[in-house]
Amino acid sequence: MLFDRQHSLALGALLLALGSAQAQNPARAARPDPLNAQAAVPALAYSSSLATYRRHAEAEPIGWREANDNVARIGGWRAYARESAAASATPAASASTPAPANAGGATPGVRKP
């Protein structure tokens, strides 16, 4: 065994001590007194959350005949139905969905008459 219990506890204590030492940052300047109205405080800076917004680019519209021909070439509505059925039949999707807590239908603590 690579680590025994004693070594694991020592390592855990060391990591905890290092983490708490990192949380205490002595290089930080003292904060101004919040009750002193004359205390110097840094200026407020505003940055809009929409400053980096990029507008959605619309797709180039095509004619209805071209759209219908494209759907027919793909396989029509059956192709979309196959894609949907294949996506819902994957085992990962059904395994990740937890069963309801009350799968049996009975309410705990309630008796039927």
PDB file of N, CA and C in Angstrom:
ATOM      1  N   MET A   1       0.846  -1.178   0.000  1.00  0.00           N
ATOM      2  CA  MET A   1       0.000   0.000   0.000  1.00  0.00           C
ATOM      3  C   MET A   1       0.892   1.242   0.000  1.00  0.00           C
ATOM      4  N   LEU A   2       0.581   2.186  -0.843  1.00  0.00           N
ATOM      5  CA  LEU A   2       1.422   3.366  -0.998  1.00  0.00           C
ATOM      6  C   LEU A   2       1.387   4.252   0.239  1.00  0.00           C
ATOM      7  N   PHE A   3       0.204   4.527   0.750  1.00  0.00           N
ATOM      8  CA  PHE A   3       0.060   5.343   1.949  1.00  0.00           C
ATOM      9  C   PHE A   3      -0.706   4.543   2.980  1.00  0.00           C
ATOM     10  N   ASP A   4      -0.239   4.598   4.212  1.00  0.00           N
ATOM     11  CA  ASP A   4      -1.037   4.004   5.272  1.00  0.00           C
ATOM     12  C   ASP A   4      -1.871   5.118   5.912  1.00  0.00           C
ATOM     13  N   ARG A   5      -2.637   4.784   6.891  1.00  0.00           N
ATOM     14  CA  ARG A   5      -3.566   5.748   7.493  1.00  0.00           C
ATOM     15  C   ARG A   5      -2.833   6.939   8.103  1.00  0.00           C
ATOM     16  N   GLN A   6      -1.718   6.690   8.766  1.00  0.00           N
ATOM     17  CA  GLN A   6      -0.975   7.771   9.421  1.00  0.00           C
ATOM     18  C   GLN A   6      -0.426   8.757   8.392  1.00  0.00           C
ATOM     19  N   HIS A   7       0.124   8.232   7.299  1.00  0.00           N
ATOM     20  CA  HIS A   7       0.643   9.114   6.268  1.00  0.00           C
ATOM     21  C   HIS A   7      -0.482   9.911   5.603  1.00  0.00           C
ATOM     22  N   SER A   8      -1.624   9.282   5.422  1.00  0.00           N
ATOM     23  CA  SER A   8      -2.754   9.973   4.803  1.00  0.00           C
ATOM     24  C   SER A   8      -3.238  11.116   5.678  1.00  0.00           C
ATOM     25  N   LEU A   9      -3.303  10.890   7.000  1.00  0.00           N
ATOM     26  CA  LEU A   9      -3.726  11.951   7.912  1.00  0.00           C
ATOM     27  C   LEU A   9      -2.713  13.087   7.933  1.00  0.00           C
ATOM     28  N   ALA A  10      -1.421  12.754   7.913  1.00  0.00           N
ATOM     29  CA  ALA A  10      -0.381  13.789   7.913  1.00  0.00           C
ATOM     30  C   ALA A  10      -0.451  14.615   6.630  1.00  0.00           C
ATOM     31  N   LEU A  11      -0.649  13.941   5.512  1.00  0.00           N
ATOM     32  CA  LEU A  11      -0.762  14.644   4.249  1.00  0.00           C
ATOM     33  C   LEU A  11      -1.992  15.543   4.226  1.00  0.00           C
ATOM     34  N   GLY A  12      -3.097  15.068   4.749  1.00  0.00           N
ATOM     35  CA  GLY A  12      -4.314  15.865   4.826  1.00  0.00           C
ATOM     36  C   GLY A  12      -4.125  17.095   5.702  1.00  0.00           C
ATOM     37  N   ALA A  13      -3.463  16.931   6.849  1.00  0.00           N
ATOM     38  CA  ALA A  13      -3.204  18.063   7.747  1.00  0.00           C
ATOM     39  C   ALA A  13      -2.298  19.081   7.078  1.00  0.00           C
ATOM     40  N   LEU A  14      -1.297  18.609   6.347  1.00  0.00           N
ATOM     41  CA  LEU A  14      -0.391  19.512   5.639  1.00  0.00           C
ATOM     42  C   LEU A  14      -1.135  20.314   4.571  1.00  0.00           C
ATOM     43  N   LEU A  15      -1.975  19.634   3.800  1.00  0.00           N
ATOM     44  CA  LEU A  15      -2.747  20.334   2.765  1.00  0.00           C
ATOM     45  C   LEU A  15      -3.712  21.344   3.375  1.00  0.00           C
ATOM     46  N   LEU A  16      -4.306  20.999   4.501  1.00  0.00           N
ATOM     47  CA  LEU A  16      -5.213  21.920   5.177  1.00  0.00           C
ATOM     48  C   LEU A  16      -4.461  23.153   5.668  1.00  0.00           C
ATOM     49  N   ALA A  17      -3.281  22.942   6.236  1.00  0.00           N
ATOM     50  CA  ALA A  17      -2.480  24.066   6.722  1.00  0.00           C
ATOM     51  C   ALA A  17      -2.042  24.953   5.568  1.00  0.00           C
ATOM     52  N   LEU A  18      -1.639  24.362   4.460  1.00  0.00           N
ATOM     53  CA  LEU A  18      -1.225  25.155   3.310  1.00  0.00           C
ATOM     54  C   LEU A  18      -2.394  25.941   2.735  1.00  0.00           C
ATOM     55  N   GLY A  19      -3.560  25.338   2.703  1.00  0.00           N
ATOM     56  CA  GLY A  19      -4.742  26.027   2.184  1.00  0.00           C
ATOM     57  C   GLY A  19      -5.147  27.207   3.042  1.00  0.00           C
ATOM     58  N   SER A  20      -5.091  27.048   4.358  1.00  0.00           N
ATOM     59  CA  SER A  20      -5.469  28.153   5.234  1.00  0.00           C
ATOM     60  C   SER A  20      -4.406  29.241   5.211  1.00  0.00           C
ATOM     61  N   ALA A  21      -3.137  28.873   5.045  1.00  0.00           N
ATOM     62  CA  ALA A  21      -2.085  29.887   4.945  1.00  0.00           C
ATOM     63  C   ALA A  21      -2.243  30.687   3.664  1.00  0.00           C
ATOM     64  N   GLN A  22      -2.673  30.039   2.599  1.00  0.00           N
ATOM     65  CA  GLN A  22      -2.874  30.723   1.327  1.00  0.00           C
ATOM     66  C   GLN A  22      -4.039  31.705   1.420  1.00  0.00           C
ATOM     67  N   ALA A  23      -5.041  31.372   2.228  1.00  0.00           N
ATOM     68  CA  ALA A  23      -6.212  32.228   2.352  1.00  0.00           C
ATOM     69  C   ALA A  23      -5.895  33.536   3.073  1.00  0.00           C
ATOM     70  N   GLN A  24      -4.857  33.537   3.906  1.00  0.00           N
ATOM     71  CA  GLN A  24      -4.468  34.743   4.626  1.00  0.00           C
ATOM     72  C   GLN A  24      -3.434  35.478   3.789  1.00  0.00           C
ATOM     73  N   ASN A  25      -3.826  36.577   3.208  1.00  0.00           N
ATOM     74  CA  ASN A  25      -2.956  37.325   2.314  1.00  0.00           C
ATOM     75  C   ASN A  25      -2.475  38.587   3.025  1.00  0.00           C
ATOM     76  N   PRO A  26      -1.260  38.563   3.616  1.00  0.00           N
ATOM     77  CA  PRO A  26      -0.792  39.728   4.364  1.00  0.00           C
ATOM     78  C   PRO A  26      -0.368  40.888   3.453  1.00  0.00           C
ATOM     79  N   ALA A  27      -0.135  40.650   2.163  1.00  0.00           N
ATOM     80  CA  ALA A  27       0.309  41.704   1.262  1.00  0.00           C
ATOM     81  C   ALA A  27      -0.815  42.675   0.920  1.00  0.00           C
ATOM     82  N   ARG A  28      -2.018  42.328   1.267  1.00  0.00           N
ATOM     83  CA  ARG A  28      -3.169  43.168   0.966  1.00  0.00           C
ATOM     84  C   ARG A  28      -3.179  44.406   1.850  1.00  0.00           C
ATOM     85  N   ALA A  29      -3.503  45.544   1.284  1.00  0.00           N
ATOM     86  CA  ALA A  29      -3.541  46.790   2.044  1.00  0.00           C
ATOM     87  C   ALA A  29      -4.699  46.763   3.031  1.00  0.00           C
ATOM     88  N   ALA A  30      -4.563  47.520   4.092  1.00  0.00           N
ATOM     89  CA  ALA A  30      -5.615  47.590   5.096  1.00  0.00           C
ATOM     90  C   ALA A  30      -6.857  48.228   4.476  1.00  0.00           C
ATOM     91  N   ARG A  31      -7.994  47.703   4.833  1.00  0.00           N
ATOM     92  CA  ARG A  31      -9.247  48.234   4.303  1.00  0.00           C
ATOM     93  C   ARG A  31      -9.634  49.495   5.061  1.00  0.00           C
ATOM     94  N   PRO A  32     -10.248  50.450   4.374  1.00  0.00           N
ATOM     95  CA  PRO A  32     -10.669  51.678   5.056  1.00  0.00           C
ATOM     96  C   PRO A  32     -11.817  51.382   6.024  1.00  0.00           C
ATOM     97  N   ASP A  33     -11.903  52.212   7.035  1.00  0.00           N
ATOM     98  CA  ASP A  33     -12.950  52.062   8.039  1.00  0.00           C
ATOM     99  C   ASP A  33     -14.298  52.388   7.408  1.00  0.00           C
ATOM    100  N   PRO A  34     -15.256  51.459   7.395  1.00  0.00           N
ATOM    101  CA  PRO A  34     -16.540  51.724   6.753  1.00  0.00           C
ATOM    102  C   PRO A  34     -17.368  52.788   7.488  1.00  0.00           C
ATOM    103  N   LEU A  35     -17.024  53.080   8.737  1.00  0.00           N
ATOM    104  CA  LEU A  35     -17.778  54.092   9.486  1.00  0.00           C
ATOM    105  C   LEU A  35     -17.214  55.496   9.310  1.00  0.00           C
ATOM    106  N   ASN A  36     -16.044  55.609   8.680  1.00  0.00           N
ATOM    107  CA  ASN A  36     -15.416  56.910   8.476  1.00  0.00           C
ATOM    108  C   ASN A  36     -15.833  57.449   7.107  1.00  0.00           C
ATOM    109  N   ALA A  37     -16.600  58.537   7.115  1.00  0.00           N
ATOM    110  CA  ALA A  37     -17.082  59.107   5.861  1.00  0.00           C
ATOM    111  C   ALA A  37     -15.962  59.761   5.065  1.00  0.00           C
ATOM    112  N   GLN A  38     -14.863  60.108   5.708  1.00  0.00           N
ATOM    113  CA  GLN A  38     -13.745  60.771   5.043  1.00  0.00           C
ATOM    114  C   GLN A  38     -12.687  59.771   4.552  1.00  0.00           C
ATOM    115  N   ALA A  39     -12.904  58.493   4.733  1.00  0.00           N
ATOM    116  CA  ALA A  39     -11.914  57.482   4.343  1.00  0.00           C
ATOM    117  C   ALA A  39     -11.763  57.453   2.824  1.00  0.00           C
ATOM    118  N   ALA A  40     -10.528  57.263   2.389  1.00  0.00           N
ATOM    119  CA  ALA A  40     -10.257  57.177   0.942  1.00  0.00           C
ATOM    120  C   ALA A  40     -10.666  55.797   0.455  1.00  0.00           C
ATOM    121  N   VAL A  41     -11.438  55.779  -0.595  1.00  0.00           N
ATOM    122  CA  VAL A  41     -11.891  54.516  -1.176  1.00  0.00           C
ATOM    123  C   VAL A  41     -11.581  54.529  -2.664  1.00  0.00           C
ATOM    124  N   PRO A  42     -11.399  53.366  -3.268  1.00  0.00           N
ATOM    125  CA  PRO A  42     -11.123  53.343  -4.709  1.00  0.00           C
ATOM    126  C   PRO A  42     -12.348  53.793  -5.499  1.00  0.00           C
ATOM    127  N   ALA A  43     -12.098  54.364  -6.658  1.00  0.00           N
ATOM    128  CA  ALA A  43     -13.184  54.837  -7.511  1.00  0.00           C
ATOM    129  C   ALA A  43     -13.961  53.651  -8.067  1.00  0.00           C
ATOM    130  N   LEU A  44     -15.239  53.853  -8.275  1.00  0.00           N
ATOM    131  CA  LEU A  44     -16.071  52.815  -8.854  1.00  0.00           C
ATOM    132  C   LEU A  44     -15.786  52.701 -10.343  1.00  0.00           C
ATOM    133  N   ALA A  45     -15.766  51.493 -10.829  1.00  0.00           N
ATOM    134  CA  ALA A  45     -15.561  51.262 -12.261  1.00  0.00           C
ATOM    135  C   ALA A  45     -16.748  50.462 -12.780  1.00  0.00           C
ATOM    136  N   TYR A  46     -17.327  50.941 -13.862  1.00  0.00           N
ATOM    137  CA  TYR A  46     -18.480  50.265 -14.455  1.00  0.00           C
ATOM    138  C   TYR A  46     -18.044  49.532 -15.711  1.00  0.00           C
ATOM    139  N   SER A  47     -18.435  48.282 -15.804  1.00  0.00           N
ATOM    140  CA  SER A  47     -18.226  47.536 -17.047  1.00  0.00           C
ATOM    141  C   SER A  47     -19.538  46.822 -17.370  1.00  0.00           C
ATOM    142  N   SER A  48     -20.053  47.094 -18.536  1.00  0.00           N
ATOM    143  CA  SER A  48     -21.334  46.550 -18.944  1.00  0.00           C
ATOM    144  C   SER A  48     -21.195  45.058 -19.231  1.00  0.00           C
ATOM    145  N   SER A  49     -22.178  44.306 -18.818  1.00  0.00           N
ATOM    146  CA  SER A  49     -22.179  42.874 -19.116  1.00  0.00           C
ATOM    147  C   SER A  49     -22.488  42.623 -20.584  1.00  0.00           C
ATOM    148  N   LEU A  50     -22.989  43.638 -21.269  1.00  0.00           N
ATOM    149  CA  LEU A  50     -23.306  43.504 -22.683  1.00  0.00           C
ATOM    150  C   LEU A  50     -22.188  44.044 -23.587  1.00  0.00           C
ATOM    151  N   ALA A  51     -21.059  44.428 -23.010  1.00  0.00           N
ATOM    152  CA  ALA A  51     -19.975  45.015 -23.799  1.00  0.00           C
ATOM    153  C   ALA A  51     -19.419  44.026 -24.827  1.00  0.00           C
ATOM    154  N   THR A  52     -19.418  42.754 -24.518  1.00  0.00           N
ATOM    155  CA  THR A  52     -18.864  41.757 -25.434  1.00  0.00           C
ATOM    156  C   THR A  52     -19.948  41.013 -26.213  1.00  0.00           C
ATOM    157  N   TYR A  53     -21.168  41.525 -26.177  1.00  0.00           N
ATOM    158  CA  TYR A  53     -22.283  40.871 -26.868  1.00  0.00           C
ATOM    159  C   TYR A  53     -22.081  40.911 -28.372  1.00  0.00           C
ATOM    160  N   ARG A  54     -22.312  39.770 -29.000  1.00  0.00           N
ATOM    161  CA  ARG A  54     -22.283  39.708 -30.470  1.00  0.00           C
ATOM    162  C   ARG A  54     -23.669  39.309 -30.946  1.00  0.00           C
ATOM    163  N   ARG A  55     -24.184  40.060 -31.880  1.00  0.00           N
ATOM    164  CA  ARG A  55     -25.514  39.802 -32.399  1.00  0.00           C
ATOM    165  C   ARG A  55     -25.539  38.488 -33.163  1.00  0.00           C
ATOM    166  N   HIS A  56     -26.627  37.760 -33.030  1.00  0.00           N
ATOM    167  CA  HIS A  56     -26.808  36.495 -33.741  1.00  0.00           C
ATOM    168  C   HIS A  56     -26.875  36.768 -35.235  1.00  0.00           C
ATOM    169  N   ALA A  57     -26.078  36.041 -35.990  1.00  0.00           N
ATOM    170  CA  ALA A  57     -26.085  36.219 -37.443  1.00  0.00           C
ATOM    171  C   ALA A  57     -27.195  35.350 -38.028  1.00  0.00           C
ATOM    172  N   GLU A  58     -28.072  35.962 -38.741  1.00  0.00           N
ATOM    173  CA  GLU A  58     -29.178  35.243 -39.365  1.00  0.00           C
ATOM    174  C   GLU A  58     -28.657  34.374 -40.516  1.00  0.00           C
ATOM    175  N   ALA A  59     -29.283  33.225 -40.661  1.00  0.00           N
ATOM    176  CA  ALA A  59     -28.939  32.353 -41.795  1.00  0.00           C
ATOM    177  C   ALA A  59     -29.496  32.967 -43.073  1.00  0.00           C
ATOM    178  N   GLU A  60     -28.809  32.720 -44.149  1.00  0.00           N
ATOM    179  CA  GLU A  60     -29.261  33.242 -45.441  1.00  0.00           C
ATOM    180  C   GLU A  60     -30.562  32.541 -45.826  1.00  0.00           C
ATOM    181  N   PRO A  61     -31.639  33.302 -46.051  1.00  0.00           N
ATOM    182  CA  PRO A  61     -32.905  32.653 -46.398  1.00  0.00           C
ATOM    183  C   PRO A  61     -32.825  31.993 -47.780  1.00  0.00           C
ATOM    184  N   ILE A  62     -33.487  30.841 -47.880  1.00  0.00           N
ATOM    185  CA  ILE A  62     -33.533  30.134 -49.162  1.00  0.00           C
ATOM    186  C   ILE A  62     -34.993  29.976 -49.570  1.00  0.00           C
ATOM    187  N   GLY A  63     -35.212  29.685 -50.801  1.00  0.00           N
ATOM    188  CA  GLY A  63     -36.573  29.512 -51.302  1.00  0.00           C
ATOM    189  C   GLY A  63     -37.201  28.236 -50.759  1.00  0.00           C
ATOM    190  N   TRP A  64     -38.528  28.202 -50.762  1.00  0.00           N
ATOM    191  CA  TRP A  64     -39.214  27.048 -50.202  1.00  0.00           C
ATOM    192  C   TRP A  64     -38.986  25.801 -51.040  1.00  0.00           C
ATOM    193  N   ARG A  65     -38.859  25.941 -52.334  1.00  0.00           N
ATOM    194  CA  ARG A  65     -38.603  24.763 -53.169  1.00  0.00           C
ATOM    195  C   ARG A  65     -37.241  24.163 -52.858  1.00  0.00           C
ATOM    196  N   GLU A  66     -36.246  25.040 -52.693  1.00  0.00           N
ATOM    197  CA  GLU A  66     -34.903  24.553 -52.356  1.00  0.00           C
ATOM    198  C   GLU A  66     -34.903  23.876 -50.988  1.00  0.00           C
ATOM    199  N   ALA A  67     -35.638  24.443 -50.019  1.00  0.00           N
ATOM    200  CA  ALA A  67     -35.737  23.840 -48.694  1.00  0.00           C
ATOM    201  C   ALA A  67     -36.410  22.476 -48.773  1.00  0.00           C
ATOM    202  N   ASN A  68     -37.492  22.368 -49.552  1.00  0.00           N
ATOM    203  CA  ASN A  68     -38.176  21.082 -49.716  1.00  0.00           C
ATOM    204  C   ASN A  68     -37.273  20.055 -50.399  1.00  0.00           C
ATOM    205  N   ASP A  69     -36.532  20.491 -51.414  1.00  0.00           N
ATOM    206  CA  ASP A  69     -35.613  19.572 -52.094  1.00  0.00           C
ATOM    207  C   ASP A  69     -34.518  19.092 -51.146  1.00  0.00           C
ATOM    208  N   ASN A  70     -34.048  19.967 -50.278  1.00  0.00           N
ATOM    209  CA  ASN A  70     -33.026  19.593 -49.310  1.00  0.00           C
ATOM    210  C   ASN A  70     -33.556  18.551 -48.326  1.00  0.00           C
ATOM    211  N   VAL A  71     -34.773  18.747 -47.845  1.00  0.00           N
ATOM    212  CA  VAL A  71     -35.389  17.781 -46.924  1.00  0.00           C
ATOM    213  C   VAL A  71     -35.604  16.444 -47.626  1.00  0.00           C
ATOM    214  N   ALA A  72     -36.035  16.469 -48.890  1.00  0.00           N
ATOM    215  CA  ALA A  72     -36.246  15.228 -49.644  1.00  0.00           C
ATOM    216  C   ALA A  72     -34.919  14.501 -49.851  1.00  0.00           C
ATOM    217  N   ARG A  73     -33.847  15.252 -50.108  1.00  0.00           N
ATOM    218  CA  ARG A  73     -32.532  14.639 -50.308  1.00  0.00           C
ATOM    219  C   ARG A  73     -32.039  13.983 -49.022  1.00  0.00           C
ATOM    220  N   ILE A  74     -32.304  14.617 -47.872  1.00  0.00           N
ATOM    221  CA  ILE A  74     -31.879  14.063 -46.586  1.00  0.00           C
ATOM    222  C   ILE A  74     -32.655  12.788 -46.262  1.00  0.00           C
ATOM    223  N   GLY A  75     -33.900  12.723 -46.630  1.00  0.00           N
ATOM    224  CA  GLY A  75     -34.708  11.551 -46.327  1.00  0.00           C
ATOM    225  C   GLY A  75     -36.066  11.893 -45.787  1.00  0.00           C
ATOM    226  N   GLY A  76     -36.431  13.153 -45.834  1.00  0.00           N
ATOM    227  CA  GLY A  76     -37.763  13.556 -45.384  1.00  0.00           C
ATOM    228  C   GLY A  76     -37.909  13.497 -43.881  1.00  0.00           C
ATOM    229  N   TRP A  77     -39.138  13.492 -43.440  1.00  0.00           N
ATOM    230  CA  TRP A  77     -39.415  13.501 -42.011  1.00  0.00           C
ATOM    231  C   TRP A  77     -38.948  12.228 -41.333  1.00  0.00           C
ATOM    232  N   ARG A  78     -38.841  11.134 -42.070  1.00  0.00           N
ATOM    233  CA  ARG A  78     -38.388   9.874 -41.474  1.00  0.00           C
ATOM    234  C   ARG A  78     -36.946   9.965 -40.984  1.00  0.00           C
ATOM    235  N   ALA A  79     -36.107  10.739 -41.683  1.00  0.00           N
ATOM    236  CA  ALA A  79     -34.717  10.920 -41.245  1.00  0.00           C
ATOM    237  C   ALA A  79     -34.677  11.620 -39.893  1.00  0.00           C
ATOM    238  N   TYR A  80     -35.519  12.635 -39.717  1.00  0.00           N
ATOM    239  CA  TYR A  80     -35.563  13.333 -38.434  1.00  0.00           C
ATOM    240  C   TYR A  80     -36.112  12.414 -37.339  1.00  0.00           C
ATOM    241  N   ALA A  81     -37.083  11.568 -37.675  1.00  0.00           N
ATOM    242  CA  ALA A  81     -37.637  10.625 -36.701  1.00  0.00           C
ATOM    243  C   ALA A  81     -36.574   9.612 -36.286  1.00  0.00           C
ATOM    244  N   ARG A  82     -35.752   9.134 -37.241  1.00  0.00           N
ATOM    245  CA  ARG A  82     -34.675   8.191 -36.910  1.00  0.00           C
ATOM    246  C   ARG A  82     -33.642   8.844 -35.992  1.00  0.00           C
ATOM    247  N   GLU A  83     -33.293  10.094 -36.272  1.00  0.00           N
ATOM    248  CA  GLU A  83     -32.338  10.808 -35.414  1.00  0.00           C
ATOM    249  C   GLU A  83     -32.880  10.927 -33.997  1.00  0.00           C
ATOM    250  N   SER A  84     -34.136  11.271 -33.869  1.00  0.00           N
ATOM    251  CA  SER A  84     -34.745  11.420 -32.557  1.00  0.00           C
ATOM    252  C   SER A  84     -34.808  10.089 -31.819  1.00  0.00           C
ATOM    253  N   ALA A  85     -35.179   9.014 -32.531  1.00  0.00           N
ATOM    254  CA  ALA A  85     -35.258   7.688 -31.907  1.00  0.00           C
ATOM    255  C   ALA A  85     -33.874   7.211 -31.489  1.00  0.00           C
ATOM    256  N   ALA A  86     -32.865   7.478 -32.300  1.00  0.00           N
ATOM    257  CA  ALA A  86     -31.502   7.050 -31.966  1.00  0.00           C
ATOM    258  C   ALA A  86     -30.987   7.808 -30.751  1.00  0.00           C
ATOM    259  N   ALA A  87     -31.318   9.075 -30.651  1.00  0.00           N
ATOM    260  CA  ALA A  87     -30.863   9.872 -29.515  1.00  0.00           C
ATOM    261  C   ALA A  87     -31.525   9.423 -28.222  1.00  0.00           C
ATOM    262  N   SER A  88     -32.800   9.030 -28.280  1.00  0.00           N
ATOM    263  CA  SER A  88     -33.486   8.615 -27.054  1.00  0.00           C
ATOM    264  C   SER A  88     -33.191   7.175 -26.690  1.00  0.00           C
ATOM    265  N   ALA A  89     -32.629   6.382 -27.599  1.00  0.00           N
ATOM    266  CA  ALA A  89     -32.346   4.980 -27.318  1.00  0.00           C
ATOM    267  C   ALA A  89     -30.940   4.754 -26.782  1.00  0.00           C
ATOM    268  N   THR A  90     -30.139   5.805 -26.634  1.00  0.00           N
ATOM    269  CA  THR A  90     -28.783   5.617 -26.129  1.00  0.00           C
ATOM    270  C   THR A  90     -28.834   5.205 -24.674  1.00  0.00           C
ATOM    271  N   PRO A  91     -28.009   4.232 -24.271  1.00  0.00           N
ATOM    272  CA  PRO A  91     -28.043   3.783 -22.878  1.00  0.00           C
ATOM    273  C   PRO A  91     -27.562   4.839 -21.905  1.00  0.00           C
ATOM    274  N   ALA A  92     -26.670   5.722 -22.316  1.00  0.00           N
ATOM    275  CA  ALA A  92     -26.165   6.754 -21.419  1.00  0.00           C
ATOM    276  C   ALA A  92     -27.276   7.713 -21.022  1.00  0.00           C
ATOM    277  N   ALA A  93     -28.164   8.027 -21.939  1.00  0.00           N
ATOM    278  CA  ALA A  93     -29.249   8.953 -21.636  1.00  0.00           C
ATOM    279  C   ALA A  93     -30.215   8.339 -20.633  1.00  0.00           C
ATOM    280  N   SER A  94     -30.538   7.058 -20.780  1.00  0.00           N
ATOM    281  CA  SER A  94     -31.480   6.449 -19.853  1.00  0.00           C
ATOM    282  C   SER A  94     -30.825   6.153 -18.517  1.00  0.00           C
ATOM    283  N   ALA A  95     -29.509   5.884 -18.505  1.00  0.00           N
ATOM    284  CA  ALA A  95     -28.824   5.605 -17.250  1.00  0.00           C
ATOM    285  C   ALA A  95     -28.634   6.874 -16.434  1.00  0.00           C
ATOM    286  N   SER A  96     -28.499   8.014 -17.096  1.00  0.00           N
ATOM    287  CA  SER A  96     -28.273   9.259 -16.366  1.00  0.00           C
ATOM    288  C   SER A  96     -29.564   9.808 -15.772  1.00  0.00           C
ATOM    289  N   THR A  97     -30.715   9.350 -16.222  1.00  0.00           N
ATOM    290  CA  THR A  97     -31.984   9.809 -15.693  1.00  0.00           C
ATOM    291  C   THR A  97     -32.337   8.958 -14.478  1.00  0.00           C
ATOM    292  N   PRO A  98     -32.349   9.546 -13.285  1.00  0.00           N
ATOM    293  CA  PRO A  98     -32.643   8.741 -12.099  1.00  0.00           C
ATOM    294  C   PRO A  98     -34.114   8.343 -12.047  1.00  0.00           C
ATOM    295  N   ALA A  99     -34.356   7.196 -11.449  1.00  0.00           N
ATOM    296  CA  ALA A  99     -35.726   6.738 -11.275  1.00  0.00           C
ATOM    297  C   ALA A  99     -36.401   7.607 -10.224  1.00  0.00           C
ATOM    298  N   PRO A 100     -37.705   7.828 -10.337  1.00  0.00           N
ATOM    299  CA  PRO A 100     -38.389   8.617  -9.317  1.00  0.00           C
ATOM    300  C   PRO A 100     -38.286   7.938  -7.961  1.00  0.00           C
ATOM    301  N   ALA A 101     -38.263   8.728  -6.903  1.00  0.00           N
ATOM    302  CA  ALA A 101     -38.127   8.183  -5.561  1.00  0.00           C
ATOM    303  C   ALA A 101     -39.321   7.310  -5.201  1.00  0.00           C
ATOM    304  N   ASN A 102     -40.466   7.595  -5.762  1.00  0.00           N
ATOM    305  CA  ASN A 102     -41.682   6.860  -5.462  1.00  0.00           C
ATOM    306  C   ASN A 102     -42.137   6.117  -6.706  1.00  0.00           C
ATOM    307  N   ALA A 103     -41.278   5.238  -7.237  1.00  0.00           N
ATOM    308  CA  ALA A 103     -41.572   4.566  -8.507  1.00  0.00           C
ATOM    309  C   ALA A 103     -42.756   3.604  -8.392  1.00  0.00           C
ATOM    310  N   GLY A 104     -43.031   3.087  -7.187  1.00  0.00           N
ATOM    311  CA  GLY A 104     -44.111   2.125  -7.031  1.00  0.00           C
ATOM    312  C   GLY A 104     -45.486   2.749  -7.067  1.00  0.00           C
ATOM    313  N   GLY A 105     -45.582   4.036  -6.869  1.00  0.00           N
ATOM    314  CA  GLY A 105     -46.862   4.712  -6.929  1.00  0.00           C
ATOM    315  C   GLY A 105     -47.517   4.859  -5.574  1.00  0.00           C
ATOM    316  N   ALA A 106     -47.061   4.118  -4.569  1.00  0.00           N
ATOM    317  CA  ALA A 106     -47.672   4.219  -3.255  1.00  0.00           C
ATOM    318  C   ALA A 106     -47.054   5.385  -2.493  1.00  0.00           C
ATOM    319  N   THR A 107     -47.876   6.096  -1.750  1.00  0.00           N
ATOM    320  CA  THR A 107     -47.379   7.194  -0.932  1.00  0.00           C
ATOM    321  C   THR A 107     -46.938   6.621   0.406  1.00  0.00           C
ATOM    322  N   PRO A 108     -45.704   6.849   0.806  1.00  0.00           N
ATOM    323  CA  PRO A 108     -45.240   6.304   2.080  1.00  0.00           C
ATOM    324  C   PRO A 108     -46.072   6.828   3.247  1.00  0.00           C
ATOM    325  N   GLY A 109     -46.433   5.932   4.134  1.00  0.00           N
ATOM    326  CA  GLY A 109     -47.188   6.299   5.304  1.00  0.00           C
ATOM    327  C   GLY A 109     -48.681   6.461   5.091  1.00  0.00           C
ATOM    328  N   VAL A 110     -49.172   6.234   3.863  1.00  0.00           N
ATOM    329  CA  VAL A 110     -50.604   6.379   3.579  1.00  0.00           C
ATOM    330  C   VAL A 110     -51.138   5.014   3.176  1.00  0.00           C
ATOM    331  N   ARG A 111     -52.171   4.579   3.863  1.00  0.00           N
ATOM    332  CA  ARG A 111     -52.772   3.278   3.549  1.00  0.00           C
ATOM    333  C   ARG A 111     -53.995   3.462   2.693  1.00  0.00           C
ATOM    334  N   LYS A 112     -54.179   2.533   1.778  1.00  0.00           N
ATOM    335  CA  LYS A 112     -55.388   2.567   0.956  1.00  0.00           C
ATOM    336  C   LYS A 112     -56.556   2.007   1.740  1.00  0.00           C
ATOM    337  N   PRO A 113     -57.760   2.558   1.533  1.00  0.00           N
ATOM    338  CA  PRO A 113     -58.925   2.067   2.285  1.00  0.00           C
ATOM    339  C   PRO A 113     -59.349   0.689   1.857  1.00  0.00           C
TER     340      PRO A 113
END
